[in-house]
Amino acid sequence: MTSELESMLARHEQGEETLELKNADLRGMDLSGRDLTHIVLYESQLDRVSLRGADLYGANLSGSSLVEADLRGAQLSKSEFAGANLCGAHLEGAIANRIGLDGANLRGADLTEADIGGAALVGADLRGAILRGTGLDRVLFDRTRVYAADLRGATGLDGSTVVSIDIGETEPVRLDGDAARAWLVDRISS
């Protein structure tokens, strides 16, 4: 990490300034446990970055790439990841209430035991994602791709809004309303 970036992060953590970067390249960096509340890293490269246990409350990482990023145990509540690529990311145990994941790619991501209550999953791609024991209370499913998602033991679906899901692997197979909810319930209880 450059000394300039470290200095900007330190000022951000001390509340002296809100760090706003666009197209930043932070690939592979270790930002574990850092206070990154309300940080803006729009359309940035964070592939394989470690944000384990970091506080990203209210952060905006829209359009960013976080392929195989480590977000285990991170605080992600009220953060925005619209259009972000979280393919293969590790979000186990993350607290992500009211996270914005519209259009996000979460293919193969691991959200085991994460709490994503109140999340917006409009157009999100969860194909092959692991959501075992994930808290889904008040989640909005709308055009959410869920083929091969592991939902066993997920909780809170009864409090979620299920408009539609896409269960197709490559070609769209859309289920709406009650049919979509029934499909999700079946995967949770299997």
C-alpha atoms as a PDB file:
ATOM      1  CA  MET A   1       0.000   0.000   0.000  1.00  0.00           C
ATOM      2  CA  THR A   2       1.372   3.397  -0.914  1.00  0.00           C
ATOM      3  CA  SER A   3       2.110   5.844   1.867  1.00  0.00           C
ATOM      4  CA  GLU A   4      -0.318   8.320   0.271  1.00  0.00           C
ATOM      5  CA  LEU A   5      -3.164   5.791   0.346  1.00  0.00           C
ATOM      6  CA  GLU A   6      -2.304   4.786   3.916  1.00  0.00           C
ATOM      7  CA  SER A   7      -2.377   8.454   4.920  1.00  0.00           C
ATOM      8  CA  MET A   8      -5.798   8.941   3.271  1.00  0.00           C
ATOM      9  CA  LEU A   9      -7.142   5.814   5.016  1.00  0.00           C
ATOM     10  CA  ALA A  10      -5.824   7.029   8.373  1.00  0.00           C
ATOM     11  CA  ARG A  11      -7.506  10.440   7.933  1.00  0.00           C
ATOM     12  CA  HIS A  12     -10.730   8.648   6.948  1.00  0.00           C
ATOM     13  CA  GLU A  13     -10.618   6.404  10.030  1.00  0.00           C
ATOM     14  CA  GLN A  14     -10.040   9.426  12.279  1.00  0.00           C
ATOM     15  CA  GLY A  15     -13.075  11.148  10.761  1.00  0.00           C
ATOM     16  CA  GLU A  16     -11.024  13.963   9.272  1.00  0.00           C
ATOM     17  CA  GLU A  17     -12.303  13.307   5.755  1.00  0.00           C
ATOM     18  CA  THR A  18     -14.517  10.862   3.893  1.00  0.00           C
ATOM     19  CA  LEU A  19     -12.414   8.888   1.452  1.00  0.00           C
ATOM     20  CA  GLU A  20     -13.906   8.922  -2.051  1.00  0.00           C
ATOM     21  CA  LEU A  21     -12.035   7.123  -4.804  1.00  0.00           C
ATOM     22  CA  LYS A  22     -13.107   6.118  -8.294  1.00  0.00           C
ATOM     23  CA  ASN A  23     -11.297   3.446 -10.282  1.00  0.00           C
ATOM     24  CA  ALA A  24      -8.885   2.803  -7.390  1.00  0.00           C
ATOM     25  CA  ASP A  25      -6.716  -0.311  -7.605  1.00  0.00           C
ATOM     26  CA  LEU A  26      -6.585  -1.984  -4.189  1.00  0.00           C
ATOM     27  CA  ARG A  27      -6.257  -5.578  -5.442  1.00  0.00           C
ATOM     28  CA  GLY A  28      -4.841  -7.995  -2.899  1.00  0.00           C
ATOM     29  CA  MET A  29      -4.526  -5.410  -0.100  1.00  0.00           C
ATOM     30  CA  ASP A  30      -5.119  -6.287   3.533  1.00  0.00           C
ATOM     31  CA  LEU A  31      -7.691  -3.896   4.997  1.00  0.00           C
ATOM     32  CA  SER A  32      -8.844  -6.333   7.682  1.00  0.00           C
ATOM     33  CA  GLY A  33     -10.488  -4.753  10.700  1.00  0.00           C
ATOM     34  CA  ARG A  34     -10.264  -1.217   9.300  1.00  0.00           C
ATOM     35  CA  ASP A  35     -12.932   1.427   9.940  1.00  0.00           C
ATOM     36  CA  LEU A  36     -14.121   2.181   6.424  1.00  0.00           C
ATOM     37  CA  THR A  37     -17.575   3.505   7.315  1.00  0.00           C
ATOM     38  CA  HIS A  38     -19.117   5.593   4.528  1.00  0.00           C
ATOM     39  CA  ILE A  39     -16.078   5.095   2.280  1.00  0.00           C
ATOM     40  CA  VAL A  40     -16.719   5.472  -1.459  1.00  0.00           C
ATOM     41  CA  LEU A  41     -14.774   3.137  -3.736  1.00  0.00           C
ATOM     42  CA  TYR A  42     -16.846   3.468  -6.879  1.00  0.00           C
ATOM     43  CA  GLU A  43     -15.906   1.201  -9.823  1.00  0.00           C
ATOM     44  CA  SER A  44     -12.702   0.155  -8.062  1.00  0.00           C
ATOM     45  CA  GLN A  45     -10.593  -3.005  -8.223  1.00  0.00           C
ATOM     46  CA  LEU A  46     -10.684  -4.932  -4.928  1.00  0.00           C
ATOM     47  CA  ASP A  47     -10.166  -8.473  -6.190  1.00  0.00           C
ATOM     48  CA  ARG A  48      -8.777 -10.768  -3.482  1.00  0.00           C
ATOM     49  CA  VAL A  49      -8.664  -7.855  -0.990  1.00  0.00           C
ATOM     50  CA  SER A  50      -9.020  -8.777   2.675  1.00  0.00           C
ATOM     51  CA  LEU A  51     -11.752  -6.799   4.414  1.00  0.00           C
ATOM     52  CA  ARG A  52     -12.205  -9.427   7.098  1.00  0.00           C
ATOM     53  CA  GLY A  53     -13.920  -7.869  10.115  1.00  0.00           C
ATOM     54  CA  ALA A  54     -13.801  -4.406   8.525  1.00  0.00           C
ATOM     55  CA  ASP A  55     -16.537  -1.846   9.185  1.00  0.00           C
ATOM     56  CA  LEU A  56     -18.021  -0.774   5.852  1.00  0.00           C
ATOM     57  CA  TYR A  57     -21.285   0.572   7.267  1.00  0.00           C
ATOM     58  CA  GLY A  58     -22.860   2.916   4.712  1.00  0.00           C
ATOM     59  CA  ALA A  59     -20.006   2.408   2.223  1.00  0.00           C
ATOM     60  CA  ASN A  60     -20.506   2.659  -1.530  1.00  0.00           C
ATOM     61  CA  LEU A  61     -18.682   0.094  -3.650  1.00  0.00           C
ATOM     62  CA  SER A  62     -21.081   0.227  -6.590  1.00  0.00           C
ATOM     63  CA  GLY A  63     -19.655  -1.116  -9.815  1.00  0.00           C
ATOM     64  CA  SER A  64     -16.523  -2.379  -8.061  1.00  0.00           C
ATOM     65  CA  SER A  65     -14.861  -5.749  -8.579  1.00  0.00           C
ATOM     66  CA  LEU A  66     -14.432  -7.802  -5.391  1.00  0.00           C
ATOM     67  CA  VAL A  67     -13.749 -11.200  -6.958  1.00  0.00           C
ATOM     68  CA  GLU A  68     -12.716 -13.669  -4.240  1.00  0.00           C
ATOM     69  CA  ALA A  69     -12.582 -10.829  -1.686  1.00  0.00           C
ATOM     70  CA  ASP A  70     -12.581 -11.798   2.005  1.00  0.00           C
ATOM     71  CA  LEU A  71     -15.456 -10.004   3.766  1.00  0.00           C
ATOM     72  CA  ARG A  72     -15.925 -12.573   6.531  1.00  0.00           C
ATOM     73  CA  GLY A  73     -17.436 -11.023   9.636  1.00  0.00           C
ATOM     74  CA  ALA A  74     -17.498  -7.570   8.036  1.00  0.00           C
ATOM     75  CA  GLN A  75     -20.107  -4.942   8.908  1.00  0.00           C
ATOM     76  CA  LEU A  76     -21.799  -4.143   5.586  1.00  0.00           C
ATOM     77  CA  SER A  77     -25.132  -2.752   6.762  1.00  0.00           C
ATOM     78  CA  LYS A  78     -26.623   0.032   4.628  1.00  0.00           C
ATOM     79  CA  SER A  79     -23.749  -0.295   2.169  1.00  0.00           C
ATOM     80  CA  GLU A  80     -24.225  -0.190  -1.587  1.00  0.00           C
ATOM     81  CA  PHE A  81     -22.826  -2.828  -3.941  1.00  0.00           C
ATOM     82  CA  ALA A  82     -25.085  -2.192  -6.965  1.00  0.00           C
ATOM     83  CA  GLY A  83     -23.574  -3.780 -10.060  1.00  0.00           C
ATOM     84  CA  ALA A  84     -20.555  -5.018  -8.092  1.00  0.00           C
ATOM     85  CA  ASN A  85     -18.791  -8.266  -8.978  1.00  0.00           C
ATOM     86  CA  LEU A  86     -18.556 -10.387  -5.813  1.00  0.00           C
ATOM     87  CA  CYS A  87     -18.007 -13.656  -7.672  1.00  0.00           C
ATOM     88  CA  GLY A  88     -16.459 -16.192  -5.284  1.00  0.00           C
ATOM     89  CA  ALA A  89     -16.328 -13.668  -2.437  1.00  0.00           C
ATOM     90  CA  HIS A  90     -16.324 -14.828   1.190  1.00  0.00           C
ATOM     91  CA  LEU A  91     -19.061 -13.132   3.231  1.00  0.00           C
ATOM     92  CA  GLU A  92     -19.466 -15.764   5.927  1.00  0.00           C
ATOM     93  CA  GLY A  93     -20.907 -14.245   9.091  1.00  0.00           C
ATOM     94  CA  ALA A  94     -21.111 -10.760   7.592  1.00  0.00           C
ATOM     95  CA  ILE A  95     -23.707  -8.364   9.006  1.00  0.00           C
ATOM     96  CA  ALA A  96     -25.282  -6.845   5.913  1.00  0.00           C
ATOM     97  CA  ASN A  97     -28.690  -5.493   6.885  1.00  0.00           C
ATOM     98  CA  ARG A  98     -30.293  -3.354   4.180  1.00  0.00           C
ATOM     99  CA  ILE A  99     -27.333  -3.875   1.827  1.00  0.00           C
ATOM    100  CA  GLY A 100     -27.950  -2.846  -1.773  1.00  0.00           C
ATOM    101  CA  LEU A 101     -27.042  -5.659  -4.159  1.00  0.00           C
ATOM    102  CA  ASP A 102     -29.120  -4.669  -7.198  1.00  0.00           C
ATOM    103  CA  GLY A 103     -27.547  -6.206 -10.285  1.00  0.00           C
ATOM    104  CA  ALA A 104     -24.621  -7.576  -8.271  1.00  0.00           C
ATOM    105  CA  ASN A 105     -22.815 -10.759  -9.327  1.00  0.00           C
ATOM    106  CA  LEU A 106     -22.579 -13.112  -6.340  1.00  0.00           C
ATOM    107  CA  ARG A 107     -21.981 -16.289  -8.345  1.00  0.00           C
ATOM    108  CA  GLY A 108     -20.268 -18.826  -6.128  1.00  0.00           C
ATOM    109  CA  ALA A 109     -20.058 -16.392  -3.206  1.00  0.00           C
ATOM    110  CA  ASP A 110     -20.243 -17.841   0.322  1.00  0.00           C
ATOM    111  CA  LEU A 111     -22.765 -16.078   2.558  1.00  0.00           C
ATOM    112  CA  THR A 112     -22.988 -18.859   5.165  1.00  0.00           C
ATOM    113  CA  GLU A 113     -24.520 -17.529   8.401  1.00  0.00           C
ATOM    114  CA  ALA A 114     -24.506 -13.953   7.054  1.00  0.00           C
ATOM    115  CA  ASP A 115     -27.393 -11.651   7.921  1.00  0.00           C
ATOM    116  CA  ILE A 116     -28.656  -9.892   4.789  1.00  0.00           C
ATOM    117  CA  GLY A 117     -32.008  -8.838   6.256  1.00  0.00           C
ATOM    118  CA  GLY A 118     -33.635  -6.070   4.260  1.00  0.00           C
ATOM    119  CA  ALA A 119     -31.279  -6.552   1.301  1.00  0.00           C
ATOM    120  CA  ALA A 120     -32.390  -5.614  -2.197  1.00  0.00           C
ATOM    121  CA  LEU A 121     -31.536  -8.429  -4.610  1.00  0.00           C
ATOM    122  CA  VAL A 122     -33.142  -6.918  -7.710  1.00  0.00           C
ATOM    123  CA  GLY A 123     -31.489  -8.554 -10.705  1.00  0.00           C
ATOM    124  CA  ALA A 124     -28.730 -10.012  -8.512  1.00  0.00           C
ATOM    125  CA  ASP A 125     -27.015 -13.220  -9.653  1.00  0.00           C
ATOM    126  CA  LEU A 126     -26.760 -15.809  -6.857  1.00  0.00           C
ATOM    127  CA  ARG A 127     -26.159 -18.824  -9.094  1.00  0.00           C
ATOM    128  CA  GLY A 128     -24.096 -21.352  -7.157  1.00  0.00           C
ATOM    129  CA  ALA A 129     -23.885 -19.112  -4.089  1.00  0.00           C
ATOM    130  CA  ILE A 130     -23.874 -20.658  -0.611  1.00  0.00           C
ATOM    131  CA  LEU A 131     -26.518 -19.163   1.686  1.00  0.00           C
ATOM    132  CA  ARG A 132     -26.624 -21.853   4.389  1.00  0.00           C
ATOM    133  CA  GLY A 133     -28.147 -20.442   7.551  1.00  0.00           C
ATOM    134  CA  THR A 134     -28.271 -16.965   6.013  1.00  0.00           C
ATOM    135  CA  GLY A 135     -30.780 -14.502   7.486  1.00  0.00           C
ATOM    136  CA  LEU A 136     -33.202 -13.459   4.736  1.00  0.00           C
ATOM    137  CA  ASP A 137     -35.748 -11.437   6.712  1.00  0.00           C
ATOM    138  CA  ARG A 138     -37.234  -8.555   4.662  1.00  0.00           C
ATOM    139  CA  VAL A 139     -35.102  -9.404   1.593  1.00  0.00           C
ATOM    140  CA  LEU A 140     -36.490  -8.328  -1.774  1.00  0.00           C
ATOM    141  CA  PHE A 141     -36.208 -10.994  -4.468  1.00  0.00           C
ATOM    142  CA  ASP A 142     -37.024  -9.581  -7.906  1.00  0.00           C
ATOM    143  CA  ARG A 143     -35.534 -11.134 -11.052  1.00  0.00           C
ATOM    144  CA  THR A 144     -32.958 -12.713  -8.737  1.00  0.00           C
ATOM    145  CA  ARG A 145     -31.006 -15.562 -10.374  1.00  0.00           C
ATOM    146  CA  VAL A 146     -30.811 -18.502  -7.964  1.00  0.00           C
ATOM    147  CA  TYR A 147     -29.895 -21.598 -10.004  1.00  0.00           C
ATOM    148  CA  ALA A 148     -27.876 -24.042  -7.837  1.00  0.00           C
ATOM    149  CA  ALA A 149     -27.843 -21.642  -4.853  1.00  0.00           C
ATOM    150  CA  ASP A 150     -27.505 -23.578  -1.588  1.00  0.00           C
ATOM    151  CA  LEU A 151     -30.231 -22.173   0.665  1.00  0.00           C
ATOM    152  CA  ARG A 152     -30.339 -24.986   3.226  1.00  0.00           C
ATOM    153  CA  GLY A 153     -31.193 -23.690   6.671  1.00  0.00           C
ATOM    154  CA  ALA A 154     -31.673 -20.070   5.597  1.00  0.00           C
ATOM    155  CA  THR A 155     -34.073 -18.198   7.871  1.00  0.00           C
ATOM    156  CA  GLY A 156     -36.576 -15.361   7.643  1.00  0.00           C
ATOM    157  CA  LEU A 157     -37.974 -16.008   4.165  1.00  0.00           C
ATOM    158  CA  ASP A 158     -41.511 -15.632   5.524  1.00  0.00           C
ATOM    159  CA  GLY A 159     -40.791 -11.936   6.099  1.00  0.00           C
ATOM    160  CA  SER A 160     -39.317 -11.405   2.627  1.00  0.00           C
ATOM    161  CA  THR A 161     -40.882 -10.062  -0.538  1.00  0.00           C
ATOM    162  CA  VAL A 162     -40.593 -12.547  -3.386  1.00  0.00           C
ATOM    163  CA  VAL A 163     -41.648 -10.888  -6.650  1.00  0.00           C
ATOM    164  CA  SER A 164     -39.776 -13.201  -9.023  1.00  0.00           C
ATOM    165  CA  ILE A 165     -36.734 -15.436  -9.309  1.00  0.00           C
ATOM    166  CA  ASP A 166     -34.907 -16.966 -12.246  1.00  0.00           C
ATOM    167  CA  ILE A 167     -34.051 -20.653 -11.721  1.00  0.00           C
ATOM    168  CA  GLY A 168     -32.484 -21.209 -15.147  1.00  0.00           C
ATOM    169  CA  GLU A 169     -28.844 -22.171 -15.449  1.00  0.00           C
ATOM    170  CA  THR A 170     -28.188 -20.326 -18.699  1.00  0.00           C
ATOM    171  CA  GLU A 171     -31.596 -19.597 -20.240  1.00  0.00           C
ATOM    172  CA  PRO A 172     -34.159 -17.678 -18.148  1.00  0.00           C
ATOM    173  CA  VAL A 173     -36.741 -19.781 -16.279  1.00  0.00           C
ATOM    174  CA  ARG A 174     -38.791 -17.263 -14.338  1.00  0.00           C
ATOM    175  CA  LEU A 175     -41.017 -18.049 -11.380  1.00  0.00           C
ATOM    176  CA  ASP A 176     -43.294 -15.370  -9.939  1.00  0.00           C
ATOM    177  CA  GLY A 177     -44.945 -14.781  -6.557  1.00  0.00           C
ATOM    178  CA  ASP A 178     -46.197 -17.911  -4.783  1.00  0.00           C
ATOM    179  CA  ALA A 179     -44.417 -20.288  -7.183  1.00  0.00           C
ATOM    180  CA  ALA A 180     -41.126 -18.483  -6.591  1.00  0.00           C
ATOM    181  CA  ARG A 181     -41.618 -18.508  -2.811  1.00  0.00           C
ATOM    182  CA  ALA A 182     -42.489 -22.246  -2.878  1.00  0.00           C
ATOM    183  CA  TRP A 183     -39.304 -22.982  -4.850  1.00  0.00           C
ATOM    184  CA  LEU A 184     -37.199 -21.082  -2.294  1.00  0.00           C
ATOM    185  CA  VAL A 185     -38.919 -22.755   0.677  1.00  0.00           C
ATOM    186  CA  ASP A 186     -38.271 -26.167  -0.880  1.00  0.00           C
ATOM    187  CA  ARG A 187     -34.533 -25.382  -1.217  1.00  0.00           C
ATOM    188  CA  ILE A 188     -34.334 -24.031   2.350  1.00  0.00           C
ATOM    189  CA  SER A 189     -35.875 -27.149   3.875  1.00  0.00           C
ATOM    190  CA  SER A 190     -34.004 -29.739   1.754  1.00  0.00           C
END
